N, C-alpha and C. Protein backbone atom coordinates (compact mmCIF):
# COMPACT_ATOMS: atom_id res chain seq x y z
N MET A 1 0.85 -1.18 0.00
CA MET A 1 0.00 0.00 0.00
C MET A 1 0.89 1.24 0.00
N ARG A 2 0.57 2.16 -0.86
CA ARG A 2 1.32 3.43 -0.89
C ARG A 2 0.83 4.33 0.23
N GLU A 3 1.70 5.24 0.68
CA GLU A 3 1.34 6.14 1.78
C GLU A 3 0.12 6.98 1.45
N ASN A 4 0.02 7.48 0.21
CA ASN A 4 -1.12 8.31 -0.17
C ASN A 4 -2.42 7.52 -0.06
N ASP A 5 -2.36 6.22 -0.34
CA ASP A 5 -3.54 5.37 -0.19
C ASP A 5 -3.98 5.33 1.27
N LEU A 6 -3.04 5.22 2.17
CA LEU A 6 -3.37 5.17 3.59
C LEU A 6 -3.88 6.52 4.08
N LEU A 7 -3.33 7.60 3.57
CA LEU A 7 -3.84 8.93 3.92
C LEU A 7 -5.31 9.04 3.54
N GLU A 8 -5.63 8.62 2.34
CA GLU A 8 -7.00 8.69 1.85
C GLU A 8 -7.90 7.74 2.65
N ARG A 9 -7.40 6.58 2.94
CA ARG A 9 -8.19 5.58 3.66
C ARG A 9 -8.51 6.04 5.08
N THR A 10 -7.54 6.63 5.77
CA THR A 10 -7.78 7.10 7.13
C THR A 10 -8.73 8.31 7.12
N PHE A 11 -8.61 9.14 6.09
CA PHE A 11 -9.51 10.29 5.94
C PHE A 11 -10.95 9.80 5.75
N LYS A 12 -11.13 8.86 4.83
CA LYS A 12 -12.48 8.33 4.55
C LYS A 12 -13.06 7.63 5.77
N PHE A 13 -12.22 6.94 6.53
CA PHE A 13 -12.67 6.27 7.75
C PHE A 13 -13.28 7.30 8.70
N GLY A 14 -12.59 8.40 8.93
CA GLY A 14 -13.10 9.44 9.82
C GLY A 14 -14.42 10.01 9.33
N VAL A 15 -14.50 10.29 8.04
CA VAL A 15 -15.72 10.85 7.46
C VAL A 15 -16.89 9.87 7.57
N LYS A 16 -16.63 8.61 7.24
CA LYS A 16 -17.70 7.60 7.31
C LYS A 16 -18.20 7.42 8.74
N CYS A 17 -17.28 7.46 9.70
CA CYS A 17 -17.71 7.34 11.09
C CYS A 17 -18.58 8.53 11.49
N LEU A 18 -18.18 9.74 11.12
CA LEU A 18 -18.97 10.91 11.47
C LEU A 18 -20.36 10.85 10.83
N LYS A 19 -20.43 10.42 9.58
CA LYS A 19 -21.73 10.30 8.92
C LYS A 19 -22.61 9.27 9.61
N MET A 20 -22.02 8.15 10.00
CA MET A 20 -22.77 7.10 10.68
C MET A 20 -23.28 7.60 12.04
N LEU A 21 -22.47 8.39 12.73
CA LEU A 21 -22.86 8.89 14.05
C LEU A 21 -24.10 9.77 14.00
N LYS A 22 -24.30 10.46 12.88
CA LYS A 22 -25.47 11.32 12.74
C LYS A 22 -26.77 10.54 12.87
N ALA A 23 -26.74 9.27 12.47
CA ALA A 23 -27.96 8.45 12.45
C ALA A 23 -28.27 7.79 13.79
N LEU A 24 -27.37 7.90 14.75
CA LEU A 24 -27.60 7.24 16.04
C LEU A 24 -28.60 8.02 16.90
N PRO A 25 -29.27 7.31 17.81
CA PRO A 25 -30.23 7.98 18.70
C PRO A 25 -29.56 9.07 19.54
N HIS A 26 -30.38 9.96 20.06
CA HIS A 26 -29.87 11.10 20.84
C HIS A 26 -30.00 10.87 22.35
N THR A 27 -29.79 9.63 22.78
CA THR A 27 -29.84 9.34 24.22
C THR A 27 -28.49 9.66 24.85
N SER A 28 -28.47 9.75 26.17
CA SER A 28 -27.23 10.09 26.86
C SER A 28 -26.14 9.04 26.63
N GLU A 29 -26.52 7.77 26.55
CA GLU A 29 -25.53 6.71 26.33
C GLU A 29 -24.87 6.88 24.95
N TYR A 30 -25.69 7.13 23.97
CA TYR A 30 -25.15 7.28 22.62
C TYR A 30 -24.36 8.58 22.47
N GLN A 31 -24.72 9.61 23.23
CA GLN A 31 -23.98 10.87 23.15
C GLN A 31 -22.53 10.66 23.57
N ILE A 32 -22.31 9.84 24.59
CA ILE A 32 -20.94 9.53 25.04
C ILE A 32 -20.17 8.86 23.90
N ILE A 33 -20.79 7.87 23.30
CA ILE A 33 -20.13 7.12 22.22
C ILE A 33 -19.88 8.02 21.02
N LYS A 34 -20.87 8.85 20.67
CA LYS A 34 -20.72 9.76 19.53
C LYS A 34 -19.50 10.67 19.73
N TYR A 35 -19.40 11.23 20.93
CA TYR A 35 -18.29 12.14 21.22
C TYR A 35 -16.95 11.42 21.15
N GLN A 36 -16.85 10.28 21.82
CA GLN A 36 -15.58 9.57 21.88
C GLN A 36 -15.17 9.02 20.51
N LEU A 37 -16.12 8.40 19.81
CA LEU A 37 -15.81 7.84 18.50
C LEU A 37 -15.52 8.94 17.49
N GLY A 38 -16.26 10.03 17.56
CA GLY A 38 -16.00 11.15 16.65
C GLY A 38 -14.57 11.66 16.80
N LYS A 39 -14.12 11.78 18.03
CA LYS A 39 -12.75 12.23 18.29
C LYS A 39 -11.72 11.22 17.82
N SER A 40 -11.88 9.97 18.21
CA SER A 40 -10.85 8.98 17.90
C SER A 40 -10.80 8.65 16.41
N ALA A 41 -11.95 8.55 15.76
CA ALA A 41 -11.98 8.17 14.34
C ALA A 41 -11.34 9.24 13.46
N THR A 42 -11.55 10.50 13.79
CA THR A 42 -10.94 11.57 12.99
C THR A 42 -9.47 11.76 13.36
N SER A 43 -9.12 11.38 14.57
CA SER A 43 -7.74 11.52 15.02
C SER A 43 -6.80 10.52 14.34
N VAL A 44 -7.33 9.38 13.90
CA VAL A 44 -6.49 8.41 13.18
C VAL A 44 -5.87 9.09 11.98
N GLY A 45 -6.70 9.66 11.14
CA GLY A 45 -6.22 10.32 9.93
C GLY A 45 -5.41 11.57 10.21
N ALA A 46 -5.84 12.34 11.20
CA ALA A 46 -5.14 13.58 11.52
C ALA A 46 -3.70 13.29 11.96
N ASN A 47 -3.52 12.27 12.78
CA ASN A 47 -2.17 11.94 13.25
C ASN A 47 -1.33 11.31 12.15
N TYR A 48 -1.95 10.51 11.31
CA TYR A 48 -1.18 9.94 10.20
C TYR A 48 -0.79 11.05 9.21
N GLU A 49 -1.67 12.00 9.03
CA GLU A 49 -1.36 13.16 8.18
C GLU A 49 -0.18 13.94 8.76
N GLU A 50 -0.21 14.18 10.06
CA GLU A 50 0.90 14.88 10.72
C GLU A 50 2.20 14.10 10.60
N ALA A 51 2.12 12.79 10.64
CA ALA A 51 3.32 11.95 10.54
C ALA A 51 4.06 12.21 9.23
N GLN A 52 3.32 12.55 8.19
CA GLN A 52 3.95 12.76 6.89
C GLN A 52 4.92 13.94 6.90
N ALA A 53 4.72 14.86 7.83
CA ALA A 53 5.61 16.02 7.94
C ALA A 53 6.52 15.90 9.15
N GLY A 54 6.72 14.68 9.63
CA GLY A 54 7.57 14.47 10.79
C GLY A 54 8.97 15.02 10.58
N SER A 55 9.51 15.63 11.62
CA SER A 55 10.83 16.25 11.50
C SER A 55 11.96 15.23 11.61
N SER A 56 11.62 14.00 12.00
CA SER A 56 12.62 12.95 12.12
C SER A 56 11.91 11.60 12.05
N LYS A 57 12.69 10.55 11.97
CA LYS A 57 12.12 9.20 11.99
C LYS A 57 11.38 8.97 13.30
N ALA A 58 11.94 9.46 14.40
CA ALA A 58 11.30 9.29 15.71
C ALA A 58 9.98 10.05 15.78
N ASP A 59 9.94 11.24 15.20
CA ASP A 59 8.71 12.03 15.18
C ASP A 59 7.65 11.32 14.34
N PHE A 60 8.06 10.82 13.17
CA PHE A 60 7.14 10.06 12.30
C PHE A 60 6.57 8.87 13.06
N LYS A 61 7.46 8.11 13.70
CA LYS A 61 7.05 6.91 14.42
C LYS A 61 6.09 7.25 15.56
N ASN A 62 6.36 8.33 16.27
CA ASN A 62 5.49 8.75 17.36
C ASN A 62 4.08 9.08 16.87
N LYS A 63 3.99 9.81 15.76
CA LYS A 63 2.67 10.16 15.21
C LYS A 63 1.93 8.92 14.71
N VAL A 64 2.64 8.00 14.11
CA VAL A 64 2.00 6.76 13.66
C VAL A 64 1.54 5.96 14.86
N ARG A 65 2.33 5.97 15.92
CA ARG A 65 1.95 5.26 17.16
C ARG A 65 0.66 5.86 17.74
N ILE A 66 0.54 7.18 17.71
CA ILE A 66 -0.68 7.83 18.19
C ILE A 66 -1.86 7.46 17.29
N ALA A 67 -1.64 7.45 15.98
CA ALA A 67 -2.69 7.05 15.04
C ALA A 67 -3.16 5.63 15.35
N LEU A 68 -2.22 4.75 15.67
CA LEU A 68 -2.57 3.37 16.02
C LEU A 68 -3.42 3.33 17.29
N LYS A 69 -3.04 4.10 18.30
CA LYS A 69 -3.83 4.15 19.54
C LYS A 69 -5.25 4.62 19.25
N GLU A 70 -5.38 5.62 18.39
CA GLU A 70 -6.70 6.14 18.04
C GLU A 70 -7.51 5.13 17.24
N ALA A 71 -6.84 4.37 16.39
CA ALA A 71 -7.52 3.31 15.63
C ALA A 71 -8.02 2.23 16.58
N ARG A 72 -7.22 1.91 17.58
CA ARG A 72 -7.64 0.91 18.57
C ARG A 72 -8.85 1.42 19.36
N GLU A 73 -8.81 2.68 19.75
CA GLU A 73 -9.94 3.25 20.48
C GLU A 73 -11.19 3.28 19.60
N SER A 74 -11.03 3.64 18.35
CA SER A 74 -12.16 3.66 17.42
C SER A 74 -12.76 2.27 17.29
N ASN A 75 -11.91 1.27 17.18
CA ASN A 75 -12.38 -0.11 17.08
C ASN A 75 -13.20 -0.48 18.33
N TYR A 76 -12.73 -0.05 19.47
CA TYR A 76 -13.44 -0.32 20.73
C TYR A 76 -14.86 0.27 20.70
N TRP A 77 -14.96 1.55 20.36
CA TRP A 77 -16.27 2.21 20.35
C TRP A 77 -17.18 1.62 19.28
N LEU A 78 -16.62 1.26 18.14
CA LEU A 78 -17.43 0.63 17.09
C LEU A 78 -17.96 -0.73 17.54
N ARG A 79 -17.13 -1.48 18.27
CA ARG A 79 -17.59 -2.77 18.78
C ARG A 79 -18.68 -2.59 19.84
N ILE A 80 -18.55 -1.55 20.66
CA ILE A 80 -19.61 -1.23 21.64
C ILE A 80 -20.91 -0.96 20.90
N LEU A 81 -20.84 -0.12 19.86
CA LEU A 81 -22.04 0.19 19.07
C LEU A 81 -22.63 -1.08 18.47
N SER A 82 -21.79 -1.93 17.96
CA SER A 82 -22.24 -3.16 17.35
C SER A 82 -22.99 -4.03 18.36
N GLU A 83 -22.49 -4.08 19.59
CA GLU A 83 -23.14 -4.87 20.63
C GLU A 83 -24.46 -4.25 21.08
N LEU A 84 -24.57 -2.94 21.00
CA LEU A 84 -25.79 -2.26 21.42
C LEU A 84 -26.93 -2.43 20.42
N GLN A 85 -26.57 -2.71 19.19
CA GLN A 85 -27.58 -2.86 18.13
C GLN A 85 -28.12 -4.28 18.13
N ASP A 86 -29.45 -4.42 18.09
CA ASP A 86 -30.04 -5.74 17.98
C ASP A 86 -29.66 -6.39 16.66
N ASN A 87 -29.70 -5.62 15.61
CA ASN A 87 -29.29 -6.08 14.28
C ASN A 87 -28.32 -5.04 13.72
N PRO A 88 -27.02 -5.20 14.01
CA PRO A 88 -26.06 -4.20 13.53
C PRO A 88 -26.18 -4.00 12.02
N PHE A 89 -26.22 -2.74 11.60
CA PHE A 89 -26.36 -2.47 10.18
C PHE A 89 -25.03 -2.67 9.47
N GLU A 90 -25.13 -2.92 8.19
CA GLU A 90 -23.95 -3.30 7.39
C GLU A 90 -22.84 -2.26 7.47
N GLU A 91 -23.21 -0.99 7.43
CA GLU A 91 -22.21 0.08 7.47
C GLU A 91 -21.39 0.01 8.75
N LEU A 92 -22.03 -0.30 9.86
CA LEU A 92 -21.33 -0.41 11.13
C LEU A 92 -20.34 -1.57 11.09
N GLU A 93 -20.78 -2.70 10.58
CA GLU A 93 -19.88 -3.86 10.48
C GLU A 93 -18.70 -3.57 9.56
N THR A 94 -18.95 -2.82 8.50
CA THR A 94 -17.87 -2.43 7.59
C THR A 94 -16.86 -1.55 8.30
N LEU A 95 -17.34 -0.63 9.14
CA LEU A 95 -16.44 0.25 9.88
C LEU A 95 -15.65 -0.51 10.94
N VAL A 96 -16.27 -1.49 11.57
CA VAL A 96 -15.54 -2.33 12.53
C VAL A 96 -14.39 -3.03 11.80
N GLN A 97 -14.68 -3.59 10.64
CA GLN A 97 -13.65 -4.28 9.86
C GLN A 97 -12.55 -3.31 9.42
N GLU A 98 -12.95 -2.14 8.96
CA GLU A 98 -11.96 -1.15 8.52
C GLU A 98 -11.06 -0.73 9.68
N SER A 99 -11.63 -0.56 10.86
CA SER A 99 -10.81 -0.18 12.01
C SER A 99 -9.79 -1.27 12.34
N LYS A 100 -10.19 -2.53 12.19
CA LYS A 100 -9.25 -3.64 12.41
C LYS A 100 -8.12 -3.59 11.40
N GLU A 101 -8.47 -3.37 10.15
CA GLU A 101 -7.45 -3.32 9.10
C GLU A 101 -6.51 -2.14 9.28
N LEU A 102 -7.04 -0.99 9.67
CA LEU A 102 -6.18 0.17 9.92
C LEU A 102 -5.24 -0.10 11.08
N LYS A 103 -5.74 -0.76 12.13
CA LYS A 103 -4.87 -1.13 13.26
C LYS A 103 -3.72 -1.99 12.78
N ASN A 104 -4.03 -2.97 11.96
CA ASN A 104 -2.99 -3.89 11.47
C ASN A 104 -1.97 -3.17 10.59
N ILE A 105 -2.42 -2.29 9.73
CA ILE A 105 -1.52 -1.56 8.84
C ILE A 105 -0.61 -0.65 9.65
N LEU A 106 -1.19 0.11 10.57
CA LEU A 106 -0.38 1.04 11.37
C LEU A 106 0.60 0.29 12.26
N ALA A 107 0.18 -0.83 12.83
CA ALA A 107 1.09 -1.65 13.65
C ALA A 107 2.22 -2.19 12.80
N SER A 108 1.93 -2.56 11.56
CA SER A 108 2.95 -3.07 10.66
C SER A 108 3.98 -1.99 10.34
N ILE A 109 3.52 -0.76 10.15
CA ILE A 109 4.45 0.35 9.89
C ILE A 109 5.38 0.53 11.08
N ILE A 110 4.83 0.51 12.28
CA ILE A 110 5.64 0.68 13.49
C ILE A 110 6.64 -0.47 13.63
N ASN A 111 6.17 -1.69 13.38
CA ASN A 111 7.07 -2.85 13.46
C ASN A 111 8.23 -2.73 12.49
N LYS A 112 7.96 -2.29 11.28
CA LYS A 112 9.02 -2.11 10.28
C LYS A 112 10.00 -1.03 10.71
N LEU A 113 9.50 0.03 11.32
CA LEU A 113 10.38 1.10 11.79
C LEU A 113 11.26 0.64 12.95
N ASN A 114 10.77 -0.32 13.71
CA ASN A 114 11.53 -0.84 14.85
C ASN A 114 12.64 -1.80 14.44
N GLN A 115 12.60 -2.29 13.22
CA GLN A 115 13.61 -3.26 12.76
C GLN A 115 14.91 -2.59 12.41
């Protein structure tokens, strides 16, 4: 995967999560999830974007590590949403899968940098 592909993929992930959050109920429980997932899902792409302008290999690695943490958090909130739904909708399941794949890709980048 080329870096520009991952930039676009993380961007689209954040946008798709925000769009999906609009459709959730306006209860206090969902408000917590909306806030947390909105922050973490958009932070994946924002931190990976920042990594591209890293001033050093260590700076790049640190930003990718933060993006990975945010992807993990996003995966957590998406799984919570999935469990709360009696019949999880396809878009939600797609986002859960995408968050898993982004976690794996970002972890792979960090592992390669550690070698």
